Each structure stands twice: as structure tokens, then as C-alpha cells.
């Protein structure tokens, strides 16, 4: 098991951080031109575009949220 997985933010923490900033995951999805449930894909699989959208809204780099993946220039390795 990859030890970094335990360091990823929990889904509930990401949702709470979005709510503290005045939005929801569904609203952020719609605001960025996506279907309301599309950004939830970032919780179940590596998806750099979604990770960047969420992290950008929170004002942090995606690697601070998803430490189990390395995101460089939008490419997951």
C-alpha cells in the first residue's frame, strides 16, 4: 500500500473547505462549465483537470490535497 494515500485530504475535508469558501462541489462544477457531478470524479480516480480546478478554488497546489499522486504541469505520474 502506498503510504502517501493516508496523507491525501479526506473527501469530507475537501467538501468542508469548499463550503467554508462559500460554494459546493456541484456549484463549482457548474461554475466551470461542467456537469454538477463531474468534479466528484477527482475523489475516485486521478483526474488532473478536476484536481486543479478544486485546488485553484481553494488557493493551494493540488499536490497539497492529493499527495499520493505527483502533479506536474497537469500530468499525473
PDB file of N, CA and C in Angstrom:
ATOM      1  N   UNK A   1       0.838  -1.183   0.000  1.00  0.00           N
ATOM      2  CA  UNK A   1       0.000   0.000   0.000  1.00  0.00           C
ATOM      3  C   UNK A   1       0.877   1.239   0.000  1.00  0.00           C
ATOM      4  N   UNK A   2       0.512   2.218  -0.787  1.00  0.00           N
ATOM      5  CA  UNK A   2       1.246   3.464  -0.865  1.00  0.00           C
ATOM      6  C   UNK A   2       0.984   4.279   0.398  1.00  0.00           C
ATOM      7  N   UNK A   3       2.031   4.608   1.144  1.00  0.00           N
ATOM      8  CA  UNK A   3       1.875   5.360   2.383  1.00  0.00           C
ATOM      9  C   UNK A   3       1.337   6.760   2.163  1.00  0.00           C
ATOM     10  N   UNK A   4       1.536   7.331   0.977  1.00  0.00           N
ATOM     11  CA  UNK A   4       1.052   8.677   0.703  1.00  0.00           C
ATOM     12  C   UNK A   4      -0.463   8.763   0.663  1.00  0.00           C
ATOM     13  N   UNK A   5      -1.143   7.648   0.377  1.00  0.00           N
ATOM     14  CA  UNK A   5      -2.598   7.667   0.300  1.00  0.00           C
ATOM     15  C   UNK A   5      -3.180   8.176   1.609  1.00  0.00           C
ATOM     16  N   UNK A   6      -2.569   7.821   2.717  1.00  0.00           N
ATOM     17  CA  UNK A   6      -3.060   8.261   4.018  1.00  0.00           C
ATOM     18  C   UNK A   6      -2.904   9.761   4.211  1.00  0.00           C
ATOM     19  N   UNK A   7      -2.039  10.396   3.437  1.00  0.00           N
ATOM     20  CA  UNK A   7      -1.818  11.825   3.569  1.00  0.00           C
ATOM     21  C   UNK A   7      -2.723  12.654   2.671  1.00  0.00           C
ATOM     22  N   UNK A   8      -3.429  12.011   1.747  1.00  0.00           N
ATOM     23  CA  UNK A   8      -4.393  12.741   0.925  1.00  0.00           C
ATOM     24  C   UNK A   8      -5.473  13.324   1.826  1.00  0.00           C
ATOM     25  N   UNK A   9      -5.991  14.486   1.441  1.00  0.00           N
ATOM     26  CA  UNK A   9      -7.115  15.042   2.184  1.00  0.00           C
ATOM     27  C   UNK A   9      -8.296  14.093   2.049  1.00  0.00           C
ATOM     28  N   UNK A  10      -9.055  13.956   3.094  1.00  0.00           N
ATOM     29  CA  UNK A  10     -10.280  13.166   3.048  1.00  0.00           C
ATOM     30  C   UNK A  10     -11.311  13.936   2.225  1.00  0.00           C
ATOM     31  N   UNK A  11     -12.142  13.211   1.517  1.00  0.00           N
ATOM     32  CA  UNK A  11     -13.192  13.817   0.695  1.00  0.00           C
ATOM     33  C   UNK A  11     -14.023  14.814   1.503  1.00  0.00           C
ATOM     34  N   UNK A  12     -14.372  14.472   2.734  1.00  0.00           N
ATOM     35  CA  UNK A  12     -15.179  15.366   3.577  1.00  0.00           C
ATOM     36  C   UNK A  12     -14.427  16.656   3.898  1.00  0.00           C
ATOM     37  N   UNK A  13     -13.104  16.577   4.022  1.00  0.00           N
ATOM     38  CA  UNK A  13     -12.310  17.777   4.297  1.00  0.00           C
ATOM     39  C   UNK A  13     -12.295  18.717   3.094  1.00  0.00           C
ATOM     40  N   UNK A  14     -12.240  18.150   1.902  1.00  0.00           N
ATOM     41  CA  UNK A  14     -12.270  18.968   0.686  1.00  0.00           C
ATOM     42  C   UNK A  14     -13.627  19.652   0.564  1.00  0.00           C
ATOM     43  N   UNK A  15     -14.681  18.892   0.775  1.00  0.00           N
ATOM     44  CA  UNK A  15     -16.033  19.452   0.698  1.00  0.00           C
ATOM     45  C   UNK A  15     -16.208  20.544   1.749  1.00  0.00           C
ATOM     46  N   UNK A  16     -15.707  20.308   2.966  1.00  0.00           N
ATOM     47  CA  UNK A  16     -15.806  21.309   4.031  1.00  0.00           C
ATOM     48  C   UNK A  16     -15.030  22.573   3.667  1.00  0.00           C
ATOM     49  N   UNK A  17     -13.847  22.409   3.080  1.00  0.00           N
ATOM     50  CA  UNK A  17     -13.050  23.567   2.681  1.00  0.00           C
ATOM     51  C   UNK A  17     -13.777  24.384   1.617  1.00  0.00           C
ATOM     52  N   UNK A  18     -14.434  23.705   0.678  1.00  0.00           N
ATOM     53  CA  UNK A  18     -15.215  24.412  -0.335  1.00  0.00           C
ATOM     54  C   UNK A  18     -16.377  25.159   0.308  1.00  0.00           C
ATOM     55  N   UNK A  19     -17.067  24.516   1.230  1.00  0.00           N
ATOM     56  CA  UNK A  19     -18.191  25.153   1.919  1.00  0.00           C
ATOM     57  C   UNK A  19     -17.735  26.366   2.721  1.00  0.00           C
ATOM     58  N   UNK A  20     -16.576  26.267   3.357  1.00  0.00           N
ATOM     59  CA  UNK A  20     -16.041  27.400   4.121  1.00  0.00           C
ATOM     60  C   UNK A  20     -15.754  28.590   3.221  1.00  0.00           C
ATOM     61  N   UNK A  21     -15.492  28.299   1.953  1.00  0.00           N
ATOM     62  CA  UNK A  21     -15.242  29.364   0.978  1.00  0.00           C
ATOM     63  C   UNK A  21     -16.518  29.780   0.247  1.00  0.00           C
ATOM     64  N   UNK A  22     -17.638  29.212   0.660  1.00  0.00           N
ATOM     65  CA  UNK A  22     -18.920  29.672   0.137  1.00  0.00           C
ATOM     66  C   UNK A  22     -19.449  28.965  -1.088  1.00  0.00           C
ATOM     67  N   UNK A  23     -18.988  27.757  -1.356  1.00  0.00           N
ATOM     68  CA  UNK A  23     -19.508  27.033  -2.513  1.00  0.00           C
ATOM     69  C   UNK A  23     -19.637  25.551  -2.185  1.00  0.00           C
ATOM     70  N   UNK A  24     -20.141  24.822  -3.142  1.00  0.00           N
ATOM     71  CA  UNK A  24     -20.239  23.366  -3.031  1.00  0.00           C
ATOM     72  C   UNK A  24     -19.505  22.766  -4.225  1.00  0.00           C
ATOM     73  N   UNK A  25     -19.261  21.485  -4.156  1.00  0.00           N
ATOM     74  CA  UNK A  25     -18.604  20.800  -5.264  1.00  0.00           C
ATOM     75  C   UNK A  25     -19.460  20.890  -6.525  1.00  0.00           C
ATOM     76  N   UNK A  26     -20.762  20.722  -6.373  1.00  0.00           N
ATOM     77  CA  UNK A  26     -21.672  20.798  -7.522  1.00  0.00           C
ATOM     78  C   UNK A  26     -21.679  22.199  -8.122  1.00  0.00           C
ATOM     79  N   UNK A  27     -21.713  23.216  -7.270  1.00  0.00           N
ATOM     80  CA  UNK A  27     -21.725  24.595  -7.764  1.00  0.00           C
ATOM     81  C   UNK A  27     -20.420  24.924  -8.486  1.00  0.00           C
ATOM     82  N   UNK A  28     -19.299  24.472  -7.937  1.00  0.00           N
ATOM     83  CA  UNK A  28     -18.009  24.708  -8.586  1.00  0.00           C
ATOM     84  C   UNK A  28     -17.955  23.994  -9.934  1.00  0.00           C
ATOM     85  N   UNK A  29     -18.506  22.798 -10.000  1.00  0.00           N
ATOM     86  CA  UNK A  29     -18.575  22.073 -11.275  1.00  0.00           C
ATOM     87  C   UNK A  29     -19.332  22.895 -12.310  1.00  0.00           C
ATOM     88  N   UNK A  30     -20.514  23.363 -11.931  1.00  0.00           N
ATOM     89  CA  UNK A  30     -21.331  24.145 -12.867  1.00  0.00           C
ATOM     90  C   UNK A  30     -20.648  25.456 -13.243  1.00  0.00           C
ATOM     91  N   UNK A  31     -20.011  26.097 -12.260  1.00  0.00           N
ATOM     92  CA  UNK A  31     -19.333  27.371 -12.484  1.00  0.00           C
ATOM     93  C   UNK A  31     -18.203  27.240 -13.507  1.00  0.00           C
ATOM     94  N   UNK A  32     -17.607  26.069 -13.582  1.00  0.00           N
ATOM     95  CA  UNK A  32     -16.505  25.843 -14.522  1.00  0.00           C
ATOM     96  C   UNK A  32     -16.967  25.176 -15.821  1.00  0.00           C
ATOM     97  N   UNK A  33     -18.280  25.135 -16.028  1.00  0.00           N
ATOM     98  CA  UNK A  33     -18.821  24.619 -17.275  1.00  0.00           C
ATOM     99  C   UNK A  33     -18.977  23.114 -17.342  1.00  0.00           C
ATOM    100  N   UNK A  34     -18.917  22.467 -16.191  1.00  0.00           N
ATOM    101  CA  UNK A  34     -19.051  21.012 -16.144  1.00  0.00           C
ATOM    102  C   UNK A  34     -20.419  20.622 -15.606  1.00  0.00           C
ATOM    103  N   UNK A  35     -20.780  19.379 -15.778  1.00  0.00           N
ATOM    104  CA  UNK A  35     -21.989  18.846 -15.167  1.00  0.00           C
ATOM    105  C   UNK A  35     -21.815  18.900 -13.655  1.00  0.00           C
ATOM    106  N   UNK A  36     -22.915  19.015 -12.926  1.00  0.00           N
ATOM    107  CA  UNK A  36     -22.836  19.221 -11.480  1.00  0.00           C
ATOM    108  C   UNK A  36     -22.108  18.121 -10.718  1.00  0.00           C
ATOM    109  N   UNK A  37     -22.060  16.931 -11.253  1.00  0.00           N
ATOM    110  CA  UNK A  37     -21.396  15.837 -10.533  1.00  0.00           C
ATOM    111  C   UNK A  37     -19.997  15.514 -11.061  1.00  0.00           C
ATOM    112  N   UNK A  38     -19.544  16.225 -12.061  1.00  0.00           N
ATOM    113  CA  UNK A  38     -18.287  15.873 -12.721  1.00  0.00           C
ATOM    114  C   UNK A  38     -17.063  15.995 -11.820  1.00  0.00           C
ATOM    115  N   UNK A  39     -16.962  17.045 -11.023  1.00  0.00           N
ATOM    116  CA  UNK A  39     -15.772  17.210 -10.185  1.00  0.00           C
ATOM    117  C   UNK A  39     -15.636  16.127  -9.127  1.00  0.00           C
ATOM    118  N   UNK A  40     -16.720  15.440  -8.821  1.00  0.00           N
ATOM    119  CA  UNK A  40     -16.649  14.335  -7.859  1.00  0.00           C
ATOM    120  C   UNK A  40     -15.736  13.219  -8.369  1.00  0.00           C
ATOM    121  N   UNK A  41     -15.481  13.178  -9.681  1.00  0.00           N
ATOM    122  CA  UNK A  41     -14.565  12.175 -10.233  1.00  0.00           C
ATOM    123  C   UNK A  41     -13.168  12.289  -9.632  1.00  0.00           C
ATOM    124  N   UNK A  42     -12.793  13.478  -9.195  1.00  0.00           N
ATOM    125  CA  UNK A  42     -11.468  13.667  -8.598  1.00  0.00           C
ATOM    126  C   UNK A  42     -11.322  12.891  -7.295  1.00  0.00           C
ATOM    127  N   UNK A  43     -12.434  12.476  -6.694  1.00  0.00           N
ATOM    128  CA  UNK A  43     -12.390  11.711  -5.450  1.00  0.00           C
ATOM    129  C   UNK A  43     -12.178  10.219  -5.685  1.00  0.00           C
ATOM    130  N   UNK A  44     -12.460   9.750  -6.882  1.00  0.00           N
ATOM    131  CA  UNK A  44     -12.401   8.306  -7.118  1.00  0.00           C
ATOM    132  C   UNK A  44     -11.280   7.859  -8.051  1.00  0.00           C
ATOM    133  N   UNK A  45     -10.653   8.803  -8.744  1.00  0.00           N
ATOM    134  CA  UNK A  45      -9.569   8.448  -9.665  1.00  0.00           C
ATOM    135  C   UNK A  45      -8.713   9.685  -9.913  1.00  0.00           C
ATOM    136  N   UNK A  46      -7.462   9.490 -10.273  1.00  0.00           N
ATOM    137  CA  UNK A  46      -6.631  10.645 -10.617  1.00  0.00           C
ATOM    138  C   UNK A  46      -7.228  11.378 -11.819  1.00  0.00           C
ATOM    139  N   UNK A  47      -7.456  12.664 -11.664  1.00  0.00           N
ATOM    140  CA  UNK A  47      -8.003  13.475 -12.747  1.00  0.00           C
ATOM    141  C   UNK A  47      -7.413  14.876 -12.609  1.00  0.00           C
ATOM    142  N   UNK A  48      -6.276  15.122 -13.242  1.00  0.00           N
ATOM    143  CA  UNK A  48      -5.574  16.392 -13.068  1.00  0.00           C
ATOM    144  C   UNK A  48      -6.435  17.631 -13.291  1.00  0.00           C
ATOM    145  N   UNK A  49      -7.257  17.639 -14.319  1.00  0.00           N
ATOM    146  CA  UNK A  49      -8.077  18.823 -14.583  1.00  0.00           C
ATOM    147  C   UNK A  49      -8.974  19.131 -13.387  1.00  0.00           C
ATOM    148  N   UNK A  50      -9.664  18.130 -12.880  1.00  0.00           N
ATOM    149  CA  UNK A  50     -10.547  18.334 -11.736  1.00  0.00           C
ATOM    150  C   UNK A  50      -9.786  18.707 -10.480  1.00  0.00           C
ATOM    151  N   UNK A  51      -8.639  18.063 -10.274  1.00  0.00           N
ATOM    152  CA  UNK A  51      -7.813  18.368  -9.106  1.00  0.00           C
ATOM    153  C   UNK A  51      -7.345  19.816  -9.144  1.00  0.00           C
ATOM    154  N   UNK A  52      -6.953  20.280 -10.325  1.00  0.00           N
ATOM    155  CA  UNK A  52      -6.510  21.671 -10.466  1.00  0.00           C
ATOM    156  C   UNK A  52      -7.657  22.645 -10.227  1.00  0.00           C
ATOM    157  N   UNK A  53      -8.845  22.347 -10.725  1.00  0.00           N
ATOM    158  CA  UNK A  53      -9.997  23.237 -10.531  1.00  0.00           C
ATOM    159  C   UNK A  53     -10.301  23.386  -9.047  1.00  0.00           C
ATOM    160  N   UNK A  54     -10.364  22.269  -8.341  1.00  0.00           N
ATOM    161  CA  UNK A  54     -10.675  22.294  -6.909  1.00  0.00           C
ATOM    162  C   UNK A  54      -9.577  23.018  -6.139  1.00  0.00           C
ATOM    163  N   UNK A  55      -8.337  22.640  -6.381  1.00  0.00           N
ATOM    164  CA  UNK A  55      -7.217  23.246  -5.657  1.00  0.00           C
ATOM    165  C   UNK A  55      -7.104  24.737  -5.944  1.00  0.00           C
ATOM    166  N   UNK A  56      -7.290  25.123  -7.200  1.00  0.00           N
ATOM    167  CA  UNK A  56      -7.217  26.536  -7.564  1.00  0.00           C
ATOM    168  C   UNK A  56      -8.269  27.338  -6.805  1.00  0.00           C
ATOM    169  N   UNK A  57      -9.467  26.805  -6.712  1.00  0.00           N
ATOM    170  CA  UNK A  57     -10.527  27.497  -5.976  1.00  0.00           C
ATOM    171  C   UNK A  57     -10.141  27.659  -4.507  1.00  0.00           C
ATOM    172  N   UNK A  58      -9.466  26.654  -3.953  1.00  0.00           N
ATOM    173  CA  UNK A  58      -9.053  26.700  -2.548  1.00  0.00           C
ATOM    174  C   UNK A  58      -7.758  27.491  -2.349  1.00  0.00           C
ATOM    175  N   UNK A  59      -7.124  27.875  -3.451  1.00  0.00           N
ATOM    176  CA  UNK A  59      -5.916  28.685  -3.368  1.00  0.00           C
ATOM    177  C   UNK A  59      -4.663  27.918  -2.983  1.00  0.00           C
ATOM    178  N   UNK A  60      -4.634  26.624  -3.305  1.00  0.00           N
ATOM    179  CA  UNK A  60      -3.464  25.805  -2.998  1.00  0.00           C
ATOM    180  C   UNK A  60      -3.108  24.928  -4.193  1.00  0.00           C
ATOM    181  N   UNK A  61      -1.932  24.342  -4.159  1.00  0.00           N
ATOM    182  CA  UNK A  61      -1.495  23.451  -5.238  1.00  0.00           C
ATOM    183  C   UNK A  61      -2.149  22.079  -5.044  1.00  0.00           C
ATOM    184  N   UNK A  62      -2.547  21.410  -6.124  1.00  0.00           N
ATOM    185  CA  UNK A  62      -3.179  20.089  -6.000  1.00  0.00           C
ATOM    186  C   UNK A  62      -2.349  19.075  -5.216  1.00  0.00           C
ATOM    187  N   UNK A  63      -1.037  19.188  -5.270  1.00  0.00           N
ATOM    188  CA  UNK A  63      -0.194  18.225  -4.554  1.00  0.00           C
ATOM    189  C   UNK A  63      -0.337  18.339  -3.042  1.00  0.00           C
ATOM    190  N   UNK A  64      -0.888  19.431  -2.555  1.00  0.00           N
ATOM    191  CA  UNK A  64      -1.138  19.580  -1.117  1.00  0.00           C
ATOM    192  C   UNK A  64      -2.383  18.798  -0.704  1.00  0.00           C
ATOM    193  N   UNK A  65      -3.287  18.579  -1.644  1.00  0.00           N
ATOM    194  CA  UNK A  65      -4.528  17.839  -1.368  1.00  0.00           C
ATOM    195  C   UNK A  65      -4.350  16.368  -1.708  1.00  0.00           C
ATOM    196  N   UNK A  66      -3.839  16.103  -2.906  1.00  0.00           N
ATOM    197  CA  UNK A  66      -3.661  14.732  -3.388  1.00  0.00           C
ATOM    198  C   UNK A  66      -2.176  14.397  -3.357  1.00  0.00           C
ATOM    199  N   UNK A  67      -1.675  14.051  -2.187  1.00  0.00           N
ATOM    200  CA  UNK A  67      -0.247  13.775  -2.038  1.00  0.00           C
ATOM    201  C   UNK A  67       0.154  12.421  -2.611  1.00  0.00           C
ATOM    202  N   UNK A  68      -0.817  11.562  -2.876  1.00  0.00           N
ATOM    203  CA  UNK A  68      -0.498  10.230  -3.399  1.00  0.00           C
ATOM    204  C   UNK A  68      -0.187  10.249  -4.886  1.00  0.00           C
ATOM    205  N   UNK A  69      -0.454  11.357  -5.546  1.00  0.00           N
ATOM    206  CA  UNK A  69      -0.105  11.495  -6.958  1.00  0.00           C
ATOM    207  C   UNK A  69       0.786  12.712  -7.099  1.00  0.00           C
ATOM    208  N   UNK A  70       1.653  12.670  -8.074  1.00  0.00           N
ATOM    209  CA  UNK A  70       2.521  13.800  -8.352  1.00  0.00           C
ATOM    210  C   UNK A  70       1.954  14.518  -9.556  1.00  0.00           C
ATOM    211  N   UNK A  71       1.604  15.773  -9.378  1.00  0.00           N
ATOM    212  CA  UNK A  71       1.028  16.549 -10.465  1.00  0.00           C
ATOM    213  C   UNK A  71       2.060  17.575 -10.908  1.00  0.00           C
ATOM    214  N   UNK A  72       2.499  17.440 -12.154  1.00  0.00           N
ATOM    215  CA  UNK A  72       3.455  18.376 -12.717  1.00  0.00           C
ATOM    216  C   UNK A  72       2.916  18.818 -14.061  1.00  0.00           C
ATOM    217  N   UNK A  73       2.660  20.097 -14.194  1.00  0.00           N
ATOM    218  CA  UNK A  73       2.152  20.658 -15.450  1.00  0.00           C
ATOM    219  C   UNK A  73       0.920  19.912 -15.938  1.00  0.00           C
ATOM    220  N   UNK A  74       0.061  19.520 -15.007  1.00  0.00           N
ATOM    221  CA  UNK A  74      -1.180  18.865 -15.378  1.00  0.00           C
ATOM    222  C   UNK A  74      -1.046  17.397 -15.720  1.00  0.00           C
ATOM    223  N   UNK A  75       0.117  16.802 -15.498  1.00  0.00           N
ATOM    224  CA  UNK A  75       0.333  15.389 -15.821  1.00  0.00           C
ATOM    225  C   UNK A  75       0.502  14.608 -14.525  1.00  0.00           C
ATOM    226  N   UNK A  76      -0.260  13.555 -14.366  1.00  0.00           N
ATOM    227  CA  UNK A  76      -0.153  12.713 -13.175  1.00  0.00           C
ATOM    228  C   UNK A  76       0.833  11.599 -13.459  1.00  0.00           C
ATOM    229  N   UNK A  77       1.759  11.397 -12.529  1.00  0.00           N
ATOM    230  CA  UNK A  77       2.708  10.293 -12.700  1.00  0.00           C
ATOM    231  C   UNK A  77       2.704   9.419 -11.468  1.00  0.00           C
TER     232      UNK A  77
END
